[in-house]
Amino acid sequence: MNWFGPSEFTAPFCEIDFRVGGSYRICMRAPDGGDHWVSGEYREIVEPERLVFTWIREDADGKIWSSTLVELHFEDAGASTLFTLRQGKFETIPYCEEHSFGWNQCLDRFGEYVTEISLKKESL
């Protein structure tokens, strides 16, 4: 809830049952006040290497307009971690572009959040 979603979005609702077969549901609120809902199910959790889950987007009436599979891969790279995100297959090219843009902003926010938390810990 502290970093999920594109820039300037908030996450006023987040429910997660983090286990294989568990589900999640998140509301991403846009700066204009519009709510963007995403939900899905965790298909694979292989710590610390891989996370696979469905990604279902709904419109304001609860109608599904996009359904894809997301795969996250984490690889030890010495002092850092190589992270790969794959998502697809998209119904349209614009949906793919929208998600690419959104994920990049979301991951930038995550990086800022981790840095902020690290700095707070160092100052204690």
N, C-alpha and C. Protein backbone atom coordinates (compact mmCIF):
# COMPACT_ATOMS: atom_id res chain seq x y z
N MET A 1 0.82 -1.20 0.00
CA MET A 1 0.00 0.00 0.00
C MET A 1 0.86 1.26 0.00
N ASN A 2 2.12 1.12 0.37
CA ASN A 2 3.02 2.28 0.42
C ASN A 2 3.65 2.62 -0.92
N TRP A 3 3.63 1.69 -1.87
CA TRP A 3 4.32 1.95 -3.13
C TRP A 3 3.65 1.34 -4.35
N PHE A 4 2.61 0.55 -4.21
CA PHE A 4 2.05 -0.18 -5.35
C PHE A 4 1.26 0.75 -6.27
N GLY A 5 1.49 0.61 -7.55
CA GLY A 5 0.77 1.35 -8.57
C GLY A 5 1.66 2.36 -9.26
N PRO A 6 1.17 2.90 -10.37
CA PRO A 6 1.93 3.92 -11.09
C PRO A 6 2.12 5.18 -10.24
N SER A 7 3.00 6.06 -10.71
CA SER A 7 3.28 7.32 -10.01
C SER A 7 1.98 8.08 -9.73
N GLU A 8 1.93 8.66 -8.56
CA GLU A 8 0.82 9.49 -8.11
C GLU A 8 -0.47 8.71 -7.84
N PHE A 9 -0.44 7.40 -7.96
CA PHE A 9 -1.58 6.57 -7.59
C PHE A 9 -1.44 6.21 -6.11
N THR A 10 -2.55 5.92 -5.47
CA THR A 10 -2.54 5.39 -4.12
C THR A 10 -3.15 3.99 -4.17
N ALA A 11 -3.00 3.26 -3.09
CA ALA A 11 -3.59 1.91 -3.00
C ALA A 11 -4.44 1.86 -1.73
N PRO A 12 -5.68 2.35 -1.79
CA PRO A 12 -6.52 2.41 -0.60
C PRO A 12 -7.05 1.05 -0.12
N PHE A 13 -6.94 0.03 -0.96
CA PHE A 13 -7.42 -1.30 -0.57
C PHE A 13 -6.44 -2.34 -1.10
N CYS A 14 -6.04 -3.25 -0.20
CA CYS A 14 -5.12 -4.31 -0.59
C CYS A 14 -5.39 -5.52 0.31
N GLU A 15 -5.74 -6.62 -0.31
CA GLU A 15 -6.00 -7.86 0.43
C GLU A 15 -5.18 -8.96 -0.24
N ILE A 16 -4.34 -9.65 0.54
CA ILE A 16 -3.44 -10.65 -0.02
C ILE A 16 -3.45 -11.92 0.83
N ASP A 17 -3.62 -13.05 0.17
CA ASP A 17 -3.48 -14.38 0.79
C ASP A 17 -2.31 -15.04 0.07
N PHE A 18 -1.09 -14.75 0.55
CA PHE A 18 0.14 -15.11 -0.16
C PHE A 18 0.51 -16.58 0.07
N ARG A 19 -0.05 -17.42 -0.78
CA ARG A 19 0.24 -18.85 -0.78
C ARG A 19 -0.20 -19.37 -2.14
N VAL A 20 0.36 -20.48 -2.58
CA VAL A 20 -0.07 -21.07 -3.85
C VAL A 20 -1.57 -21.37 -3.73
N GLY A 21 -2.33 -20.88 -4.69
CA GLY A 21 -3.79 -21.02 -4.66
C GLY A 21 -4.47 -19.86 -3.95
N GLY A 22 -3.71 -19.04 -3.24
CA GLY A 22 -4.26 -17.87 -2.57
C GLY A 22 -4.52 -16.76 -3.58
N SER A 23 -5.29 -15.78 -3.16
CA SER A 23 -5.65 -14.70 -4.08
C SER A 23 -5.23 -13.35 -3.52
N TYR A 24 -5.34 -12.35 -4.37
CA TYR A 24 -5.10 -10.97 -3.97
C TYR A 24 -6.11 -10.08 -4.69
N ARG A 25 -6.35 -8.92 -4.13
CA ARG A 25 -7.22 -7.92 -4.73
C ARG A 25 -6.72 -6.55 -4.28
N ILE A 26 -6.45 -5.69 -5.25
CA ILE A 26 -5.87 -4.39 -4.96
C ILE A 26 -6.62 -3.31 -5.74
N CYS A 27 -6.87 -2.20 -5.08
CA CYS A 27 -7.43 -1.02 -5.73
C CYS A 27 -6.32 0.00 -5.91
N MET A 28 -6.10 0.41 -7.13
CA MET A 28 -5.15 1.49 -7.42
C MET A 28 -5.99 2.73 -7.76
N ARG A 29 -5.85 3.79 -6.97
CA ARG A 29 -6.65 5.00 -7.19
C ARG A 29 -5.81 6.03 -7.93
N ALA A 30 -6.31 6.46 -9.08
CA ALA A 30 -5.63 7.44 -9.92
C ALA A 30 -5.75 8.84 -9.31
N PRO A 31 -4.89 9.76 -9.72
CA PRO A 31 -4.97 11.13 -9.22
C PRO A 31 -6.33 11.79 -9.47
N ASP A 32 -7.04 11.37 -10.52
CA ASP A 32 -8.36 11.94 -10.81
C ASP A 32 -9.47 11.31 -9.96
N GLY A 33 -9.09 10.35 -9.08
CA GLY A 33 -10.07 9.70 -8.21
C GLY A 33 -10.63 8.40 -8.74
N GLY A 34 -10.29 8.06 -9.98
CA GLY A 34 -10.78 6.82 -10.57
C GLY A 34 -10.10 5.60 -9.96
N ASP A 35 -10.89 4.58 -9.68
CA ASP A 35 -10.35 3.35 -9.11
C ASP A 35 -10.08 2.33 -10.20
N HIS A 36 -8.92 1.68 -10.09
CA HIS A 36 -8.50 0.64 -11.03
C HIS A 36 -8.24 -0.62 -10.20
N TRP A 37 -9.08 -1.64 -10.40
CA TRP A 37 -9.00 -2.86 -9.61
C TRP A 37 -8.22 -3.93 -10.34
N VAL A 38 -7.40 -4.65 -9.58
CA VAL A 38 -6.67 -5.79 -10.10
C VAL A 38 -6.79 -6.92 -9.08
N SER A 39 -6.92 -8.13 -9.59
CA SER A 39 -7.00 -9.29 -8.70
C SER A 39 -6.35 -10.47 -9.40
N GLY A 40 -6.15 -11.52 -8.65
CA GLY A 40 -5.57 -12.70 -9.25
C GLY A 40 -5.30 -13.78 -8.23
N GLU A 41 -4.64 -14.82 -8.71
CA GLU A 41 -4.32 -15.99 -7.88
C GLU A 41 -2.84 -16.31 -8.02
N TYR A 42 -2.22 -16.68 -6.90
CA TYR A 42 -0.82 -17.08 -6.90
C TYR A 42 -0.73 -18.51 -7.42
N ARG A 43 0.02 -18.72 -8.50
CA ARG A 43 0.17 -20.03 -9.12
C ARG A 43 1.43 -20.75 -8.65
N GLU A 44 2.53 -19.99 -8.51
CA GLU A 44 3.80 -20.57 -8.07
C GLU A 44 4.49 -19.60 -7.12
N ILE A 45 5.04 -20.13 -6.04
CA ILE A 45 5.88 -19.36 -5.13
C ILE A 45 7.09 -20.24 -4.84
N VAL A 46 8.22 -19.86 -5.40
CA VAL A 46 9.46 -20.61 -5.20
C VAL A 46 10.47 -19.63 -4.61
N GLU A 47 10.56 -19.62 -3.29
CA GLU A 47 11.46 -18.68 -2.62
C GLU A 47 12.90 -19.11 -2.81
N PRO A 48 13.81 -18.23 -3.06
CA PRO A 48 13.67 -16.81 -3.39
C PRO A 48 13.76 -16.55 -4.89
N GLU A 49 13.35 -17.51 -5.72
CA GLU A 49 13.62 -17.45 -7.16
C GLU A 49 12.49 -16.97 -8.06
N ARG A 50 11.26 -17.33 -7.73
CA ARG A 50 10.20 -17.17 -8.73
C ARG A 50 8.84 -16.95 -8.07
N LEU A 51 8.04 -16.10 -8.72
CA LEU A 51 6.67 -15.86 -8.30
C LEU A 51 5.83 -15.76 -9.57
N VAL A 52 4.75 -16.53 -9.64
CA VAL A 52 3.87 -16.52 -10.80
C VAL A 52 2.44 -16.32 -10.31
N PHE A 53 1.73 -15.38 -10.95
CA PHE A 53 0.35 -15.11 -10.54
C PHE A 53 -0.46 -14.59 -11.72
N THR A 54 -1.76 -14.78 -11.65
CA THR A 54 -2.65 -14.23 -12.67
C THR A 54 -2.87 -12.75 -12.35
N TRP A 55 -3.20 -11.99 -13.39
CA TRP A 55 -3.39 -10.54 -13.27
C TRP A 55 -4.68 -10.20 -14.02
N ILE A 56 -5.73 -9.90 -13.27
CA ILE A 56 -7.05 -9.66 -13.87
C ILE A 56 -7.45 -8.22 -13.59
N ARG A 57 -7.72 -7.48 -14.66
CA ARG A 57 -8.14 -6.08 -14.54
C ARG A 57 -9.64 -5.99 -14.76
N GLU A 58 -10.28 -5.18 -13.93
CA GLU A 58 -11.72 -4.99 -14.00
C GLU A 58 -12.04 -3.52 -14.26
N ASP A 59 -13.15 -3.27 -14.95
CA ASP A 59 -13.60 -1.89 -15.11
C ASP A 59 -14.45 -1.50 -13.91
N ALA A 60 -15.00 -0.30 -13.93
CA ALA A 60 -15.76 0.23 -12.78
C ALA A 60 -16.98 -0.62 -12.44
N ASP A 61 -17.49 -1.38 -13.42
CA ASP A 61 -18.66 -2.23 -13.19
C ASP A 61 -18.30 -3.66 -12.82
N GLY A 62 -17.00 -3.93 -12.65
CA GLY A 62 -16.56 -5.28 -12.29
C GLY A 62 -16.37 -6.21 -13.47
N LYS A 63 -16.49 -5.66 -14.69
CA LYS A 63 -16.31 -6.47 -15.90
C LYS A 63 -14.81 -6.62 -16.19
N ILE A 64 -14.36 -7.87 -16.42
CA ILE A 64 -12.95 -8.13 -16.72
C ILE A 64 -12.65 -7.64 -18.13
N TRP A 65 -11.62 -6.80 -18.25
CA TRP A 65 -11.21 -6.32 -19.57
C TRP A 65 -9.80 -6.76 -19.96
N SER A 66 -9.09 -7.37 -19.02
CA SER A 66 -7.76 -7.90 -19.34
C SER A 66 -7.42 -8.99 -18.35
N SER A 67 -6.85 -10.08 -18.85
CA SER A 67 -6.43 -11.18 -17.99
C SER A 67 -5.12 -11.73 -18.53
N THR A 68 -4.08 -11.70 -17.71
CA THR A 68 -2.75 -12.14 -18.13
C THR A 68 -2.09 -12.94 -17.02
N LEU A 69 -0.90 -13.43 -17.32
CA LEU A 69 -0.09 -14.14 -16.34
C LEU A 69 1.19 -13.33 -16.12
N VAL A 70 1.57 -13.15 -14.85
CA VAL A 70 2.78 -12.41 -14.50
C VAL A 70 3.79 -13.39 -13.90
N GLU A 71 5.02 -13.29 -14.38
CA GLU A 71 6.11 -14.12 -13.85
C GLU A 71 7.22 -13.18 -13.37
N LEU A 72 7.62 -13.33 -12.11
CA LEU A 72 8.73 -12.57 -11.55
C LEU A 72 9.86 -13.54 -11.27
N HIS A 73 11.06 -13.18 -11.71
CA HIS A 73 12.24 -14.02 -11.49
C HIS A 73 13.28 -13.19 -10.74
N PHE A 74 13.91 -13.80 -9.75
CA PHE A 74 14.94 -13.16 -8.95
C PHE A 74 16.20 -14.02 -9.01
N GLU A 75 17.32 -13.40 -9.40
CA GLU A 75 18.57 -14.15 -9.55
C GLU A 75 19.68 -13.45 -8.78
N ASP A 76 20.39 -14.20 -7.96
CA ASP A 76 21.51 -13.66 -7.20
C ASP A 76 22.57 -13.15 -8.16
N ALA A 77 22.96 -11.90 -7.99
CA ALA A 77 23.99 -11.29 -8.84
C ALA A 77 25.08 -10.69 -7.95
N GLY A 78 25.47 -11.44 -6.93
CA GLY A 78 26.51 -10.95 -6.02
C GLY A 78 25.94 -9.97 -5.02
N ALA A 79 26.34 -8.71 -5.14
CA ALA A 79 25.88 -7.68 -4.21
C ALA A 79 24.49 -7.15 -4.55
N SER A 80 23.89 -7.68 -5.59
CA SER A 80 22.55 -7.22 -5.99
C SER A 80 21.73 -8.40 -6.48
N THR A 81 20.53 -8.12 -6.92
CA THR A 81 19.62 -9.14 -7.43
C THR A 81 19.17 -8.75 -8.82
N LEU A 82 19.26 -9.67 -9.76
CA LEU A 82 18.74 -9.46 -11.10
C LEU A 82 17.25 -9.80 -11.06
N PHE A 83 16.44 -8.85 -11.45
CA PHE A 83 14.98 -9.00 -11.40
C PHE A 83 14.44 -8.97 -12.82
N THR A 84 13.60 -9.95 -13.16
CA THR A 84 12.96 -9.99 -14.47
C THR A 84 11.46 -10.14 -14.27
N LEU A 85 10.69 -9.30 -14.97
CA LEU A 85 9.24 -9.37 -14.93
C LEU A 85 8.75 -9.66 -16.34
N ARG A 86 7.92 -10.68 -16.46
CA ARG A 86 7.29 -11.01 -17.73
C ARG A 86 5.78 -11.04 -17.51
N GLN A 87 5.05 -10.47 -18.46
CA GLN A 87 3.59 -10.48 -18.37
C GLN A 87 3.01 -10.66 -19.76
N GLY A 88 1.98 -11.47 -19.88
CA GLY A 88 1.35 -11.65 -21.19
C GLY A 88 0.40 -12.82 -21.10
N LYS A 89 -0.19 -13.08 -22.08
CA LYS A 89 -0.34 -12.50 -23.39
C LYS A 89 -1.46 -11.47 -23.33
N PHE A 90 -1.20 -10.30 -23.91
CA PHE A 90 -2.16 -9.21 -23.85
C PHE A 90 -3.15 -9.27 -25.01
N GLU A 91 -4.34 -8.78 -24.75
CA GLU A 91 -5.39 -8.78 -25.76
C GLU A 91 -5.10 -7.77 -26.87
N THR A 92 -4.43 -6.65 -26.51
CA THR A 92 -4.13 -5.61 -27.49
C THR A 92 -2.74 -5.03 -27.20
N ILE A 93 -2.15 -4.40 -28.20
CA ILE A 93 -0.86 -3.73 -28.01
C ILE A 93 -0.99 -2.57 -27.02
N PRO A 94 -2.04 -1.75 -27.09
CA PRO A 94 -2.17 -0.68 -26.09
C PRO A 94 -2.23 -1.21 -24.65
N TYR A 95 -2.87 -2.35 -24.41
CA TYR A 95 -2.89 -2.93 -23.06
C TYR A 95 -1.48 -3.27 -22.61
N CYS A 96 -0.70 -3.84 -23.52
CA CYS A 96 0.69 -4.19 -23.22
C CYS A 96 1.49 -2.93 -22.88
N GLU A 97 1.36 -1.90 -23.68
CA GLU A 97 2.09 -0.65 -23.45
C GLU A 97 1.67 0.00 -22.13
N GLU A 98 0.38 -0.03 -21.82
CA GLU A 98 -0.12 0.55 -20.57
C GLU A 98 0.48 -0.18 -19.36
N HIS A 99 0.52 -1.49 -19.43
CA HIS A 99 1.07 -2.27 -18.31
C HIS A 99 2.58 -2.05 -18.18
N SER A 100 3.28 -1.98 -19.29
CA SER A 100 4.72 -1.73 -19.24
C SER A 100 5.00 -0.40 -18.55
N PHE A 101 4.28 0.62 -18.94
CA PHE A 101 4.42 1.94 -18.34
C PHE A 101 4.10 1.89 -16.84
N GLY A 102 3.00 1.25 -16.50
CA GLY A 102 2.58 1.16 -15.09
C GLY A 102 3.56 0.38 -14.23
N TRP A 103 4.04 -0.77 -14.73
CA TRP A 103 4.99 -1.57 -13.96
C TRP A 103 6.29 -0.80 -13.73
N ASN A 104 6.78 -0.10 -14.75
CA ASN A 104 8.02 0.66 -14.59
C ASN A 104 7.87 1.72 -13.49
N GLN A 105 6.75 2.42 -13.49
CA GLN A 105 6.54 3.41 -12.44
C GLN A 105 6.38 2.75 -11.08
N CYS A 106 5.68 1.65 -11.03
CA CYS A 106 5.48 0.93 -9.77
C CYS A 106 6.82 0.46 -9.20
N LEU A 107 7.66 -0.09 -10.04
CA LEU A 107 8.96 -0.58 -9.57
C LEU A 107 9.88 0.57 -9.16
N ASP A 108 9.78 1.71 -9.84
CA ASP A 108 10.53 2.90 -9.41
C ASP A 108 10.09 3.31 -8.00
N ARG A 109 8.78 3.30 -7.78
CA ARG A 109 8.26 3.66 -6.45
C ARG A 109 8.72 2.66 -5.40
N PHE A 110 8.75 1.38 -5.75
CA PHE A 110 9.23 0.36 -4.82
C PHE A 110 10.69 0.63 -4.44
N GLY A 111 11.52 0.94 -5.43
CA GLY A 111 12.92 1.26 -5.16
C GLY A 111 13.07 2.45 -4.24
N GLU A 112 12.27 3.48 -4.46
CA GLU A 112 12.30 4.66 -3.59
C GLU A 112 11.88 4.30 -2.17
N TYR A 113 10.88 3.45 -2.05
CA TYR A 113 10.38 3.03 -0.74
C TYR A 113 11.45 2.24 0.02
N VAL A 114 12.10 1.30 -0.66
CA VAL A 114 13.16 0.51 -0.02
C VAL A 114 14.31 1.41 0.43
N THR A 115 14.68 2.37 -0.41
CA THR A 115 15.74 3.32 -0.05
C THR A 115 15.34 4.13 1.18
N GLU A 116 14.11 4.60 1.20
CA GLU A 116 13.61 5.39 2.34
C GLU A 116 13.66 4.57 3.63
N ILE A 117 13.21 3.34 3.59
CA ILE A 117 13.23 2.47 4.76
C ILE A 117 14.66 2.21 5.22
N SER A 118 15.55 1.96 4.26
CA SER A 118 16.96 1.72 4.59
C SER A 118 17.59 2.92 5.28
N LEU A 119 17.31 4.11 4.78
CA LEU A 119 17.86 5.33 5.37
C LEU A 119 17.33 5.55 6.78
N LYS A 120 16.06 5.22 7.00
CA LYS A 120 15.48 5.36 8.35
C LYS A 120 16.16 4.41 9.33
N LYS A 121 16.43 3.18 8.87
CA LYS A 121 17.08 2.20 9.73
C LYS A 121 18.51 2.64 10.08
N GLU A 122 19.20 3.20 9.08
CA GLU A 122 20.58 3.65 9.31
C GLU A 122 20.65 4.79 10.32
N SER A 123 19.61 5.63 10.34
CA SER A 123 19.63 6.80 11.23
C SER A 123 19.24 6.45 12.67
N LEU A 124 18.79 5.24 12.92
CA LEU A 124 18.41 4.85 14.29
C LEU A 124 19.60 4.58 15.16
